[in-house]
Amino acid sequence: MVNANHDASISQPFPLCYTVEEQALIAKTGHDEDCEDAIFIGPAFVAVIDGATSKTERRWQGQTGGRIAALTLKETFARIPPKSTAREAVDLLTAALRERYEREGIYEIVRADPVQRAVASFVALSLWRREIWFVGDCQCLLDGQLLTNRKELDAITANARALFLEAELAAGKSITALRERDPGRTYILPLLERQMRFQNNPESGPYWFAVIDGFPVPDEER
C-alpha cells in the first residue's frame, strides 16, 4: 500500500533547494555496523528507511536482513528518476530487493517463507512532486502535524509484550534484569514470525500490511 500527501501543482523548477536541519542514525547496540536503518538525502528525494529486525539466523555476507534491506533501498533511491510517481518508485525499490534474492540464489526460499525475507518500511519526500510517501509503519511531522501509518498488529504485539513484562515485574524481576535480557520479545516472537504472512497480502484478512520485501506492494487501502 502506498500513501501520499501531495500538492497537485508540480510546476516548480528542478533541482529544488532544501536544508537538512538535523539528522541522527543510532544503532540499538551502539555499533554502526549493526544498524538496520538508513537515511537517504539526495537532490530528488529524502527518505528515512526502517529495516525490520530479522526473525531468523539468516545472514547476508555477515549482515542481517534488516540491514541489507535498508542499505539496498538507500542505494536504489539514488537511481530513481526524479519525476517518478510513488507507484513507480515503490516498484523500483521492490525490484532491487528481488534482484538481491536472485543474486543470492534464494528467491524460491523467500517466496515460500516470508520470514526469510529482507524487509524495510520507509517514509520519503519527493521534492519534484512535493509528496510524502509511506510504505509500512512510519511517521513524520508536516507543518507541526503528526502523520502516521500504523498497523494494528503492532498494537497487539506491543500490548502482549508489555503484559508479559508487567507480569515478570510482579513476580519479582528487576527492571535492570529485564532490560539486559528482554523475555517479552522472546514471548511474542512467534507472533512476529507469523505476522509476516500478512505482509503485502490483502487476501489474508484485516491484519495485512505493506512493506518493501521484494514482492509486489498492493494498491489496496486498509
N, C-alpha and C. Protein backbone atom coordinates (compact mmCIF):
# COMPACT_ATOMS: atom_id res chain seq x y z
N MET A 1 0.84 -1.19 0.00
CA MET A 1 0.00 0.00 0.00
C MET A 1 0.88 1.24 0.00
N VAL A 2 0.51 2.21 -0.79
CA VAL A 2 1.27 3.45 -0.89
C VAL A 2 0.37 4.60 -0.48
N ASN A 3 0.79 5.37 0.48
CA ASN A 3 0.05 6.55 0.89
C ASN A 3 0.84 7.78 0.48
N ALA A 4 0.14 8.83 0.03
CA ALA A 4 0.84 10.05 -0.35
C ALA A 4 0.02 11.26 0.04
N ASN A 5 0.68 12.24 0.66
CA ASN A 5 0.12 13.56 0.85
C ASN A 5 0.78 14.44 -0.19
N HIS A 6 0.00 15.11 -1.00
CA HIS A 6 0.64 15.79 -2.12
C HIS A 6 -0.02 17.11 -2.44
N ASP A 7 0.73 17.92 -3.17
CA ASP A 7 0.26 19.17 -3.76
C ASP A 7 0.18 18.92 -5.25
N ALA A 8 -0.98 19.10 -5.85
CA ALA A 8 -1.18 18.74 -7.24
C ALA A 8 -0.36 19.61 -8.20
N SER A 9 0.05 20.80 -7.79
CA SER A 9 0.81 21.66 -8.70
C SER A 9 2.27 21.26 -8.66
N ILE A 10 2.78 20.76 -9.76
CA ILE A 10 4.16 20.30 -9.84
C ILE A 10 4.86 21.12 -10.91
N SER A 11 4.85 22.42 -10.74
CA SER A 11 5.35 23.30 -11.79
C SER A 11 6.67 23.96 -11.43
N GLN A 12 7.20 23.71 -10.21
CA GLN A 12 8.40 24.39 -9.82
C GLN A 12 9.61 23.86 -10.58
N PRO A 13 10.67 24.66 -10.75
CA PRO A 13 11.88 24.19 -11.43
C PRO A 13 12.61 23.14 -10.60
N PHE A 14 13.51 22.42 -11.26
CA PHE A 14 14.27 21.38 -10.60
C PHE A 14 15.73 21.56 -10.97
N PRO A 15 16.70 21.40 -10.09
CA PRO A 15 16.55 20.87 -8.74
C PRO A 15 16.03 21.92 -7.76
N LEU A 16 15.47 21.42 -6.66
CA LEU A 16 14.99 22.28 -5.60
C LEU A 16 16.05 22.40 -4.51
N CYS A 17 16.00 23.47 -3.76
CA CYS A 17 16.92 23.66 -2.66
C CYS A 17 16.21 23.37 -1.35
N TYR A 18 16.89 22.73 -0.44
CA TYR A 18 16.33 22.48 0.88
C TYR A 18 17.48 22.40 1.87
N THR A 19 17.15 22.49 3.13
CA THR A 19 18.16 22.45 4.19
C THR A 19 17.84 21.31 5.15
N VAL A 20 18.83 20.50 5.45
CA VAL A 20 18.69 19.47 6.46
C VAL A 20 19.08 20.09 7.80
N GLU A 21 18.09 20.27 8.65
CA GLU A 21 18.33 20.92 9.94
C GLU A 21 19.08 19.99 10.90
N GLU A 22 18.71 18.73 10.92
CA GLU A 22 19.38 17.78 11.79
C GLU A 22 19.11 16.36 11.31
N GLN A 23 19.98 15.46 11.66
CA GLN A 23 19.79 14.05 11.35
C GLN A 23 20.57 13.22 12.35
N ALA A 24 20.09 12.03 12.59
CA ALA A 24 20.78 11.11 13.50
C ALA A 24 20.41 9.69 13.13
N LEU A 25 21.38 8.80 13.24
CA LEU A 25 21.18 7.39 12.95
C LEU A 25 21.97 6.62 14.00
N ILE A 26 21.26 5.96 14.93
CA ILE A 26 21.91 5.34 16.07
C ILE A 26 21.46 3.88 16.17
N ALA A 27 22.40 2.99 16.16
CA ALA A 27 22.09 1.56 16.28
C ALA A 27 21.70 1.22 17.71
N LYS A 28 20.83 0.22 17.86
CA LYS A 28 20.41 -0.20 19.20
C LYS A 28 21.59 -0.69 20.03
N THR A 29 22.57 -1.28 19.38
CA THR A 29 23.73 -1.80 20.09
C THR A 29 24.80 -0.75 20.31
N GLY A 30 24.67 0.39 19.63
CA GLY A 30 25.72 1.41 19.70
C GLY A 30 26.79 1.23 18.65
N HIS A 31 26.70 0.16 17.85
CA HIS A 31 27.69 -0.12 16.81
C HIS A 31 27.06 0.14 15.44
N ASP A 32 27.68 1.00 14.65
CA ASP A 32 27.11 1.39 13.35
C ASP A 32 26.87 0.19 12.45
N GLU A 33 27.74 -0.81 12.53
CA GLU A 33 27.60 -1.96 11.63
C GLU A 33 26.37 -2.80 11.95
N ASP A 34 25.76 -2.59 13.10
CA ASP A 34 24.55 -3.32 13.47
C ASP A 34 23.27 -2.58 13.12
N CYS A 35 23.40 -1.34 12.68
CA CYS A 35 22.21 -0.51 12.44
C CYS A 35 21.39 -1.05 11.28
N GLU A 36 20.09 -1.19 11.49
CA GLU A 36 19.20 -1.72 10.46
C GLU A 36 18.32 -0.62 9.86
N ASP A 37 18.75 0.62 9.99
CA ASP A 37 18.03 1.76 9.42
C ASP A 37 18.97 2.54 8.50
N ALA A 38 18.40 3.46 7.73
CA ALA A 38 19.22 4.26 6.83
C ALA A 38 18.51 5.58 6.54
N ILE A 39 19.30 6.57 6.18
CA ILE A 39 18.78 7.87 5.75
C ILE A 39 19.34 8.16 4.37
N PHE A 40 18.46 8.51 3.44
CA PHE A 40 18.91 8.91 2.11
C PHE A 40 18.62 10.40 1.93
N ILE A 41 19.63 11.15 1.52
CA ILE A 41 19.48 12.58 1.26
C ILE A 41 20.05 12.86 -0.12
N GLY A 42 19.18 13.19 -1.06
CA GLY A 42 19.62 13.41 -2.42
C GLY A 42 18.92 14.61 -3.04
N PRO A 43 19.23 14.91 -4.30
CA PRO A 43 18.64 16.08 -4.96
C PRO A 43 17.16 15.93 -5.28
N ALA A 44 16.66 14.70 -5.37
CA ALA A 44 15.26 14.49 -5.74
C ALA A 44 14.41 13.91 -4.62
N PHE A 45 15.06 13.19 -3.69
CA PHE A 45 14.31 12.52 -2.63
C PHE A 45 15.07 12.63 -1.30
N VAL A 46 14.29 12.64 -0.24
CA VAL A 46 14.82 12.46 1.11
C VAL A 46 14.00 11.33 1.73
N ALA A 47 14.68 10.35 2.31
CA ALA A 47 13.96 9.18 2.82
C ALA A 47 14.56 8.71 4.14
N VAL A 48 13.68 8.28 5.03
CA VAL A 48 14.08 7.59 6.25
C VAL A 48 13.61 6.15 6.10
N ILE A 49 14.54 5.22 6.21
CA ILE A 49 14.29 3.81 5.91
C ILE A 49 14.46 2.98 7.18
N ASP A 50 13.46 2.18 7.49
CA ASP A 50 13.45 1.38 8.71
C ASP A 50 13.53 -0.09 8.34
N GLY A 51 14.71 -0.67 8.47
CA GLY A 51 14.86 -2.10 8.21
C GLY A 51 14.25 -2.90 9.34
N ALA A 52 13.50 -3.94 9.01
CA ALA A 52 12.83 -4.75 10.03
C ALA A 52 13.83 -5.68 10.71
N THR A 53 13.76 -5.75 12.03
CA THR A 53 14.63 -6.64 12.78
C THR A 53 14.44 -8.08 12.31
N SER A 54 15.52 -8.75 12.00
CA SER A 54 15.44 -10.10 11.47
C SER A 54 14.87 -11.07 12.49
N LYS A 55 14.08 -12.01 12.02
CA LYS A 55 13.46 -13.02 12.89
C LYS A 55 14.14 -14.37 12.75
N THR A 56 15.19 -14.45 11.91
CA THR A 56 15.88 -15.71 11.69
C THR A 56 17.38 -15.50 11.84
N GLU A 57 18.12 -16.60 11.76
CA GLU A 57 19.58 -16.53 11.84
C GLU A 57 20.23 -16.29 10.48
N ARG A 58 19.42 -16.14 9.43
CA ARG A 58 19.99 -15.93 8.10
C ARG A 58 20.83 -14.65 8.07
N ARG A 59 22.01 -14.75 7.47
CA ARG A 59 22.87 -13.59 7.30
C ARG A 59 23.25 -13.44 5.83
N TRP A 60 23.41 -12.21 5.42
CA TRP A 60 23.74 -11.86 4.05
C TRP A 60 25.15 -11.30 4.07
N GLN A 61 26.11 -12.17 3.80
CA GLN A 61 27.51 -11.78 3.90
C GLN A 61 27.79 -11.15 5.27
N GLY A 62 27.27 -11.80 6.30
CA GLY A 62 27.51 -11.36 7.66
C GLY A 62 26.56 -10.31 8.18
N GLN A 63 25.62 -9.83 7.35
CA GLN A 63 24.71 -8.78 7.75
C GLN A 63 23.27 -9.31 7.88
N THR A 64 22.50 -8.68 8.75
CA THR A 64 21.12 -9.10 8.94
C THR A 64 20.25 -8.68 7.76
N GLY A 65 19.09 -9.31 7.66
CA GLY A 65 18.16 -8.96 6.59
C GLY A 65 17.69 -7.52 6.68
N GLY A 66 17.46 -7.03 7.91
CA GLY A 66 17.03 -5.65 8.07
C GLY A 66 18.06 -4.66 7.57
N ARG A 67 19.33 -4.93 7.85
CA ARG A 67 20.39 -4.03 7.38
C ARG A 67 20.53 -4.09 5.86
N ILE A 68 20.47 -5.29 5.31
CA ILE A 68 20.57 -5.44 3.86
C ILE A 68 19.41 -4.71 3.17
N ALA A 69 18.20 -4.85 3.72
CA ALA A 69 17.04 -4.17 3.13
C ALA A 69 17.22 -2.66 3.16
N ALA A 70 17.63 -2.12 4.32
CA ALA A 70 17.80 -0.67 4.44
C ALA A 70 18.86 -0.14 3.49
N LEU A 71 19.99 -0.83 3.41
CA LEU A 71 21.07 -0.37 2.53
C LEU A 71 20.70 -0.51 1.06
N THR A 72 19.97 -1.57 0.72
CA THR A 72 19.54 -1.75 -0.67
C THR A 72 18.59 -0.64 -1.09
N LEU A 73 17.64 -0.28 -0.22
CA LEU A 73 16.71 0.80 -0.54
C LEU A 73 17.44 2.13 -0.64
N LYS A 74 18.38 2.36 0.25
CA LYS A 74 19.15 3.61 0.20
C LYS A 74 19.88 3.74 -1.13
N GLU A 75 20.53 2.67 -1.57
CA GLU A 75 21.25 2.69 -2.84
C GLU A 75 20.29 2.91 -4.01
N THR A 76 19.11 2.33 -3.92
CA THR A 76 18.15 2.41 -5.02
C THR A 76 17.53 3.80 -5.14
N PHE A 77 17.31 4.48 -4.03
CA PHE A 77 16.76 5.84 -4.09
C PHE A 77 17.64 6.75 -4.95
N ALA A 78 18.93 6.50 -4.96
CA ALA A 78 19.84 7.33 -5.76
C ALA A 78 19.63 7.13 -7.25
N ARG A 79 18.96 6.03 -7.65
CA ARG A 79 18.77 5.73 -9.06
C ARG A 79 17.34 5.96 -9.54
N ILE A 80 16.45 6.35 -8.65
CA ILE A 80 15.06 6.57 -9.04
C ILE A 80 14.94 7.90 -9.79
N PRO A 81 14.34 7.91 -10.97
CA PRO A 81 14.17 9.17 -11.72
C PRO A 81 13.39 10.20 -10.91
N PRO A 82 13.82 11.46 -10.93
CA PRO A 82 13.20 12.49 -10.07
C PRO A 82 11.69 12.63 -10.23
N LYS A 83 11.16 12.44 -11.43
CA LYS A 83 9.74 12.66 -11.67
C LYS A 83 8.88 11.42 -11.39
N SER A 84 9.48 10.36 -10.86
CA SER A 84 8.75 9.11 -10.63
C SER A 84 7.55 9.33 -9.72
N THR A 85 6.49 8.59 -10.01
CA THR A 85 5.34 8.55 -9.10
C THR A 85 5.67 7.64 -7.92
N ALA A 86 4.83 7.68 -6.91
CA ALA A 86 5.01 6.78 -5.77
C ALA A 86 4.97 5.33 -6.23
N ARG A 87 4.02 5.01 -7.10
CA ARG A 87 3.90 3.65 -7.60
C ARG A 87 5.17 3.21 -8.31
N GLU A 88 5.72 4.07 -9.15
CA GLU A 88 6.93 3.73 -9.90
C GLU A 88 8.12 3.55 -8.97
N ALA A 89 8.23 4.43 -7.97
CA ALA A 89 9.34 4.34 -7.04
C ALA A 89 9.26 3.06 -6.21
N VAL A 90 8.08 2.73 -5.73
CA VAL A 90 7.91 1.52 -4.92
C VAL A 90 8.24 0.28 -5.75
N ASP A 91 7.85 0.27 -7.00
CA ASP A 91 8.16 -0.88 -7.85
C ASP A 91 9.66 -1.03 -8.07
N LEU A 92 10.37 0.09 -8.20
CA LEU A 92 11.83 0.03 -8.37
C LEU A 92 12.51 -0.46 -7.10
N LEU A 93 12.04 -0.02 -5.96
CA LEU A 93 12.61 -0.47 -4.68
C LEU A 93 12.35 -1.97 -4.47
N THR A 94 11.14 -2.39 -4.83
CA THR A 94 10.79 -3.82 -4.73
C THR A 94 11.67 -4.66 -5.64
N ALA A 95 11.87 -4.18 -6.87
CA ALA A 95 12.69 -4.92 -7.84
C ALA A 95 14.13 -5.05 -7.36
N ALA A 96 14.64 -4.04 -6.68
CA ALA A 96 16.02 -4.08 -6.20
C ALA A 96 16.20 -5.20 -5.18
N LEU A 97 15.23 -5.38 -4.29
CA LEU A 97 15.34 -6.47 -3.32
C LEU A 97 15.17 -7.83 -3.98
N ARG A 98 14.24 -7.88 -4.94
CA ARG A 98 14.06 -9.16 -5.65
C ARG A 98 15.34 -9.55 -6.38
N GLU A 99 16.00 -8.59 -7.01
CA GLU A 99 17.26 -8.88 -7.70
C GLU A 99 18.31 -9.38 -6.71
N ARG A 100 18.27 -8.86 -5.51
CA ARG A 100 19.22 -9.33 -4.49
C ARG A 100 18.96 -10.80 -4.16
N TYR A 101 17.69 -11.17 -4.02
CA TYR A 101 17.36 -12.57 -3.77
C TYR A 101 17.88 -13.46 -4.90
N GLU A 102 17.67 -12.98 -6.12
CA GLU A 102 18.08 -13.79 -7.27
C GLU A 102 19.59 -13.95 -7.33
N ARG A 103 20.33 -12.89 -7.00
CA ARG A 103 21.79 -12.98 -6.99
C ARG A 103 22.27 -13.95 -5.92
N GLU A 104 21.54 -13.97 -4.79
CA GLU A 104 21.92 -14.87 -3.69
C GLU A 104 21.44 -16.30 -3.93
N GLY A 105 20.59 -16.49 -4.96
CA GLY A 105 20.07 -17.82 -5.26
C GLY A 105 19.04 -18.31 -4.27
N ILE A 106 18.29 -17.38 -3.64
CA ILE A 106 17.34 -17.77 -2.61
C ILE A 106 15.92 -17.28 -2.91
N TYR A 107 15.66 -16.88 -4.14
CA TYR A 107 14.35 -16.32 -4.45
C TYR A 107 13.22 -17.28 -4.09
N GLU A 108 13.33 -18.54 -4.47
CA GLU A 108 12.26 -19.51 -4.20
C GLU A 108 12.11 -19.75 -2.69
N ILE A 109 13.19 -19.69 -1.95
CA ILE A 109 13.12 -19.88 -0.50
C ILE A 109 12.32 -18.75 0.15
N VAL A 110 12.65 -17.50 -0.21
CA VAL A 110 11.96 -16.37 0.43
C VAL A 110 10.55 -16.21 -0.10
N ARG A 111 10.30 -16.67 -1.32
CA ARG A 111 8.93 -16.62 -1.84
C ARG A 111 8.03 -17.53 -1.01
N ALA A 112 8.55 -18.69 -0.65
CA ALA A 112 7.75 -19.65 0.11
C ALA A 112 7.68 -19.31 1.60
N ASP A 113 8.69 -18.64 2.11
CA ASP A 113 8.76 -18.37 3.55
C ASP A 113 9.06 -16.88 3.78
N PRO A 114 8.03 -16.05 4.00
CA PRO A 114 8.24 -14.61 4.18
C PRO A 114 9.16 -14.25 5.35
N VAL A 115 9.26 -15.13 6.34
CA VAL A 115 10.11 -14.84 7.49
C VAL A 115 11.58 -14.69 7.07
N GLN A 116 11.95 -15.32 5.96
CA GLN A 116 13.33 -15.29 5.49
C GLN A 116 13.67 -14.03 4.71
N ARG A 117 12.69 -13.19 4.43
CA ARG A 117 12.93 -12.04 3.55
C ARG A 117 13.64 -10.89 4.24
N ALA A 118 14.30 -10.08 3.43
CA ALA A 118 14.84 -8.81 3.88
C ALA A 118 13.71 -7.78 3.75
N VAL A 119 13.39 -7.08 4.82
CA VAL A 119 12.18 -6.27 4.87
C VAL A 119 12.50 -4.86 5.37
N ALA A 120 11.84 -3.87 4.78
CA ALA A 120 12.00 -2.49 5.26
C ALA A 120 10.73 -1.70 4.98
N SER A 121 10.53 -0.68 5.79
CA SER A 121 9.50 0.33 5.57
C SER A 121 10.20 1.65 5.31
N PHE A 122 9.47 2.62 4.77
CA PHE A 122 10.11 3.93 4.58
C PHE A 122 9.07 5.03 4.51
N VAL A 123 9.51 6.23 4.82
CA VAL A 123 8.76 7.45 4.53
C VAL A 123 9.70 8.33 3.73
N ALA A 124 9.20 8.88 2.62
CA ALA A 124 10.06 9.64 1.72
C ALA A 124 9.38 10.92 1.26
N LEU A 125 10.19 11.91 1.02
CA LEU A 125 9.73 13.17 0.42
C LEU A 125 10.19 13.21 -1.02
N SER A 126 9.23 13.33 -1.94
CA SER A 126 9.55 13.55 -3.35
C SER A 126 9.58 15.06 -3.57
N LEU A 127 10.76 15.59 -3.83
CA LEU A 127 10.90 17.04 -3.98
C LEU A 127 10.24 17.53 -5.26
N TRP A 128 10.34 16.76 -6.34
CA TRP A 128 9.73 17.18 -7.59
C TRP A 128 8.21 17.24 -7.46
N ARG A 129 7.63 16.19 -6.88
CA ARG A 129 6.17 16.11 -6.80
C ARG A 129 5.60 16.77 -5.55
N ARG A 130 6.46 17.13 -4.62
CA ARG A 130 6.01 17.70 -3.36
C ARG A 130 4.99 16.77 -2.70
N GLU A 131 5.40 15.51 -2.58
CA GLU A 131 4.58 14.47 -1.97
C GLU A 131 5.37 13.77 -0.88
N ILE A 132 4.65 13.28 0.11
CA ILE A 132 5.23 12.42 1.13
C ILE A 132 4.67 11.02 0.92
N TRP A 133 5.55 10.04 0.84
CA TRP A 133 5.16 8.66 0.57
C TRP A 133 5.43 7.80 1.80
N PHE A 134 4.47 6.95 2.13
CA PHE A 134 4.64 5.99 3.21
C PHE A 134 4.47 4.58 2.65
N VAL A 135 5.35 3.69 3.02
CA VAL A 135 5.12 2.26 2.86
C VAL A 135 5.53 1.61 4.17
N GLY A 136 4.56 1.05 4.87
CA GLY A 136 4.84 0.45 6.16
C GLY A 136 4.61 1.40 7.31
N ASP A 137 4.98 0.95 8.48
CA ASP A 137 4.71 1.67 9.73
C ASP A 137 5.74 2.77 9.93
N CYS A 138 5.42 3.97 9.47
CA CYS A 138 6.31 5.12 9.57
C CYS A 138 5.51 6.33 10.02
N GLN A 139 6.22 7.40 10.35
CA GLN A 139 5.55 8.63 10.74
C GLN A 139 6.44 9.82 10.41
N CYS A 140 5.82 10.99 10.34
CA CYS A 140 6.59 12.21 10.12
C CYS A 140 5.79 13.40 10.62
N LEU A 141 6.46 14.54 10.75
CA LEU A 141 5.82 15.80 11.08
C LEU A 141 5.79 16.68 9.84
N LEU A 142 4.62 17.22 9.51
CA LEU A 142 4.47 18.12 8.38
C LEU A 142 3.76 19.38 8.88
N ASP A 143 4.48 20.49 8.89
CA ASP A 143 3.93 21.74 9.43
C ASP A 143 3.36 21.55 10.82
N GLY A 144 4.07 20.77 11.64
CA GLY A 144 3.66 20.54 13.01
C GLY A 144 2.59 19.48 13.18
N GLN A 145 2.10 18.91 12.09
CA GLN A 145 1.07 17.87 12.17
C GLN A 145 1.71 16.50 12.07
N LEU A 146 1.38 15.62 13.01
CA LEU A 146 1.91 14.27 13.00
C LEU A 146 1.15 13.40 12.02
N LEU A 147 1.84 12.83 11.07
CA LEU A 147 1.26 11.91 10.09
C LEU A 147 1.79 10.51 10.39
N THR A 148 0.90 9.56 10.52
CA THR A 148 1.30 8.20 10.85
C THR A 148 0.69 7.20 9.88
N ASN A 149 1.28 6.02 9.86
CA ASN A 149 0.77 4.93 9.03
C ASN A 149 0.92 3.63 9.82
N ARG A 150 0.31 3.61 10.98
CA ARG A 150 0.49 2.49 11.90
C ARG A 150 -0.32 1.27 11.47
N LYS A 151 0.12 0.11 11.94
CA LYS A 151 -0.64 -1.11 11.67
C LYS A 151 -1.14 -1.70 12.98
N GLU A 152 -2.33 -2.25 12.93
CA GLU A 152 -2.99 -2.76 14.13
C GLU A 152 -2.19 -3.85 14.80
N LEU A 153 -1.49 -4.63 14.01
CA LEU A 153 -0.71 -5.73 14.57
C LEU A 153 0.31 -5.26 15.60
N ASP A 154 0.89 -4.09 15.36
CA ASP A 154 1.91 -3.60 16.27
C ASP A 154 1.33 -3.31 17.66
N ALA A 155 0.12 -2.79 17.69
CA ALA A 155 -0.52 -2.54 18.98
C ALA A 155 -0.78 -3.85 19.72
N ILE A 156 -1.18 -4.87 18.97
CA ILE A 156 -1.47 -6.17 19.59
C ILE A 156 -0.20 -6.77 20.20
N THR A 157 0.88 -6.80 19.42
CA THR A 157 2.12 -7.41 19.92
C THR A 157 2.75 -6.56 21.02
N ALA A 158 2.66 -5.23 20.90
CA ALA A 158 3.22 -4.35 21.93
C ALA A 158 2.49 -4.55 23.26
N ASN A 159 1.17 -4.66 23.20
CA ASN A 159 0.41 -4.88 24.43
C ASN A 159 0.72 -6.24 25.05
N ALA A 160 0.87 -7.26 24.21
CA ALA A 160 1.20 -8.59 24.72
C ALA A 160 2.58 -8.58 25.38
N ARG A 161 3.52 -7.89 24.76
CA ARG A 161 4.87 -7.80 25.32
C ARG A 161 4.85 -7.05 26.66
N ALA A 162 4.10 -5.94 26.70
CA ALA A 162 4.01 -5.15 27.93
C ALA A 162 3.37 -5.96 29.05
N LEU A 163 2.32 -6.71 28.72
CA LEU A 163 1.64 -7.54 29.73
C LEU A 163 2.59 -8.58 30.31
N PHE A 164 3.36 -9.22 29.44
CA PHE A 164 4.31 -10.23 29.90
C PHE A 164 5.35 -9.61 30.84
N LEU A 165 5.87 -8.45 30.47
CA LEU A 165 6.90 -7.80 31.29
C LEU A 165 6.33 -7.32 32.62
N GLU A 166 5.10 -6.82 32.60
CA GLU A 166 4.47 -6.42 33.86
C GLU A 166 4.31 -7.64 34.79
N ALA A 167 3.98 -8.77 34.19
CA ALA A 167 3.86 -10.00 34.99
C ALA A 167 5.20 -10.40 35.58
N GLU A 168 6.27 -10.21 34.82
CA GLU A 168 7.61 -10.52 35.32
C GLU A 168 7.98 -9.60 36.49
N LEU A 169 7.64 -8.33 36.38
CA LEU A 169 7.89 -7.39 37.47
C LEU A 169 7.10 -7.79 38.71
N ALA A 170 5.85 -8.18 38.50
CA ALA A 170 5.01 -8.59 39.63
C ALA A 170 5.56 -9.84 40.31
N ALA A 171 6.28 -10.65 39.53
CA ALA A 171 6.86 -11.88 40.08
C ALA A 171 8.19 -11.62 40.78
N GLY A 172 8.64 -10.35 40.76
CA GLY A 172 9.86 -10.01 41.49
C GLY A 172 11.07 -9.71 40.64
N LYS A 173 10.96 -9.80 39.32
CA LYS A 173 12.10 -9.47 38.46
C LYS A 173 12.38 -7.97 38.53
N SER A 174 13.63 -7.59 38.36
CA SER A 174 14.00 -6.17 38.38
C SER A 174 13.97 -5.59 36.98
N ILE A 175 13.76 -4.29 36.91
CA ILE A 175 13.77 -3.61 35.62
C ILE A 175 15.13 -3.76 34.95
N THR A 176 16.18 -3.69 35.74
CA THR A 176 17.54 -3.84 35.19
C THR A 176 17.71 -5.19 34.52
N ALA A 177 17.24 -6.24 35.17
CA ALA A 177 17.37 -7.58 34.60
C ALA A 177 16.57 -7.71 33.31
N LEU A 178 15.38 -7.12 33.28
CA LEU A 178 14.54 -7.21 32.08
C LEU A 178 15.14 -6.41 30.95
N ARG A 179 15.83 -5.32 31.27
CA ARG A 179 16.48 -4.54 30.22
C ARG A 179 17.67 -5.29 29.63
N GLU A 180 18.39 -6.00 30.48
CA GLU A 180 19.56 -6.73 29.99
C GLU A 180 19.17 -7.89 29.09
N ARG A 181 18.07 -8.53 29.44
CA ARG A 181 17.60 -9.67 28.63
C ARG A 181 16.08 -9.63 28.62
N ASP A 182 15.53 -9.14 27.53
CA ASP A 182 14.08 -8.88 27.46
C ASP A 182 13.33 -10.17 27.11
N PRO A 183 12.71 -10.81 28.10
CA PRO A 183 11.94 -12.02 27.79
C PRO A 183 10.63 -11.72 27.10
N GLY A 184 10.21 -10.46 27.14
CA GLY A 184 8.96 -10.09 26.48
C GLY A 184 9.04 -10.28 24.98
N ARG A 185 10.18 -9.93 24.38
CA ARG A 185 10.30 -10.12 22.93
C ARG A 185 10.34 -11.61 22.58
N THR A 186 11.01 -12.40 23.43
CA THR A 186 11.00 -13.84 23.20
C THR A 186 9.58 -14.39 23.24
N TYR A 187 8.79 -13.87 24.15
CA TYR A 187 7.41 -14.32 24.30
C TYR A 187 6.58 -14.05 23.06
N ILE A 188 6.78 -12.86 22.43
CA ILE A 188 5.96 -12.51 21.26
C ILE A 188 6.59 -12.90 19.94
N LEU A 189 7.80 -13.49 19.98
CA LEU A 189 8.48 -13.84 18.73
C LEU A 189 7.64 -14.71 17.80
N PRO A 190 6.90 -15.71 18.31
CA PRO A 190 6.05 -16.49 17.39
C PRO A 190 5.03 -15.61 16.66
N LEU A 191 4.49 -14.60 17.32
CA LEU A 191 3.56 -13.68 16.66
C LEU A 191 4.28 -12.85 15.61
N LEU A 192 5.49 -12.39 15.93
CA LEU A 192 6.25 -11.59 14.98
C LEU A 192 6.58 -12.40 13.72
N GLU A 193 6.86 -13.68 13.90
CA GLU A 193 7.15 -14.54 12.76
C GLU A 193 5.89 -14.80 11.93
N ARG A 194 4.79 -15.06 12.60
CA ARG A 194 3.56 -15.39 11.88
C ARG A 194 2.95 -14.17 11.20
N GLN A 195 3.17 -12.97 11.76
CA GLN A 195 2.57 -11.80 11.14
C GLN A 195 3.13 -11.52 9.76
N MET A 196 4.28 -12.09 9.44
CA MET A 196 4.87 -11.84 8.13
C MET A 196 4.08 -12.52 7.01
N ARG A 197 3.18 -13.42 7.39
CA ARG A 197 2.26 -14.00 6.40
C ARG A 197 1.25 -12.96 5.90
N PHE A 198 1.11 -11.88 6.63
CA PHE A 198 0.15 -10.84 6.26
C PHE A 198 0.76 -9.75 5.37
N GLN A 199 2.09 -9.70 5.28
CA GLN A 199 2.70 -8.57 4.57
C GLN A 199 2.44 -8.63 3.07
N ASN A 200 2.00 -7.48 2.55
CA ASN A 200 1.67 -7.34 1.11
C ASN A 200 0.64 -8.37 0.66
N ASN A 201 -0.26 -8.74 1.56
CA ASN A 201 -1.20 -9.82 1.26
C ASN A 201 -2.62 -9.44 1.70
N PRO A 202 -3.30 -8.58 0.94
CA PRO A 202 -4.66 -8.15 1.32
C PRO A 202 -5.63 -9.30 1.49
N GLU A 203 -5.41 -10.40 0.77
CA GLU A 203 -6.33 -11.53 0.84
C GLU A 203 -6.24 -12.27 2.18
N SER A 204 -5.23 -11.94 2.99
CA SER A 204 -5.05 -12.64 4.26
C SER A 204 -5.99 -12.14 5.34
N GLY A 205 -6.69 -11.01 5.08
CA GLY A 205 -7.64 -10.52 6.07
C GLY A 205 -7.31 -9.13 6.58
N PRO A 206 -7.95 -8.73 7.68
CA PRO A 206 -7.84 -7.34 8.15
C PRO A 206 -6.48 -6.97 8.71
N TYR A 207 -5.62 -7.92 8.97
CA TYR A 207 -4.32 -7.61 9.57
C TYR A 207 -3.21 -7.39 8.54
N TRP A 208 -3.54 -7.40 7.27
CA TRP A 208 -2.49 -7.26 6.26
C TRP A 208 -1.86 -5.88 6.34
N PHE A 209 -0.60 -5.80 5.91
CA PHE A 209 0.13 -4.53 5.91
C PHE A 209 1.14 -4.52 4.76
N ALA A 210 1.59 -3.32 4.44
CA ALA A 210 2.52 -3.15 3.32
C ALA A 210 3.94 -2.95 3.81
N VAL A 211 4.89 -3.54 3.09
CA VAL A 211 6.32 -3.33 3.32
C VAL A 211 7.04 -3.49 1.98
N ILE A 212 8.30 -3.12 1.97
CA ILE A 212 9.16 -3.44 0.83
C ILE A 212 9.89 -4.73 1.19
N ASP A 213 9.61 -5.80 0.47
CA ASP A 213 10.24 -7.08 0.78
C ASP A 213 10.63 -7.86 -0.47
N GLY A 214 10.63 -7.19 -1.61
CA GLY A 214 10.99 -7.87 -2.85
C GLY A 214 9.82 -8.47 -3.59
N PHE A 215 8.60 -8.32 -3.04
CA PHE A 215 7.40 -8.83 -3.68
C PHE A 215 6.39 -7.69 -3.82
N PRO A 216 5.46 -7.77 -4.77
CA PRO A 216 4.62 -6.61 -5.11
C PRO A 216 3.88 -6.00 -3.92
N VAL A 217 3.91 -4.68 -3.86
CA VAL A 217 3.17 -3.92 -2.84
C VAL A 217 1.82 -3.56 -3.44
N PRO A 218 0.72 -4.03 -2.85
CA PRO A 218 -0.62 -3.76 -3.42
C PRO A 218 -1.00 -2.29 -3.31
N ASP A 219 -1.94 -1.88 -4.14
CA ASP A 219 -2.50 -0.54 -4.08
C ASP A 219 -3.65 -0.45 -3.09
N GLU A 220 -4.20 -1.60 -2.66
CA GLU A 220 -5.37 -1.59 -1.81
C GLU A 220 -5.14 -0.81 -0.53
N GLU A 221 -6.20 -0.11 -0.12
CA GLU A 221 -6.16 0.60 1.16
C GLU A 221 -6.66 -0.34 2.25
N ARG A 222 -6.13 -0.16 3.45
CA ARG A 222 -6.64 -0.94 4.57
C ARG A 222 -7.98 -0.37 5.01
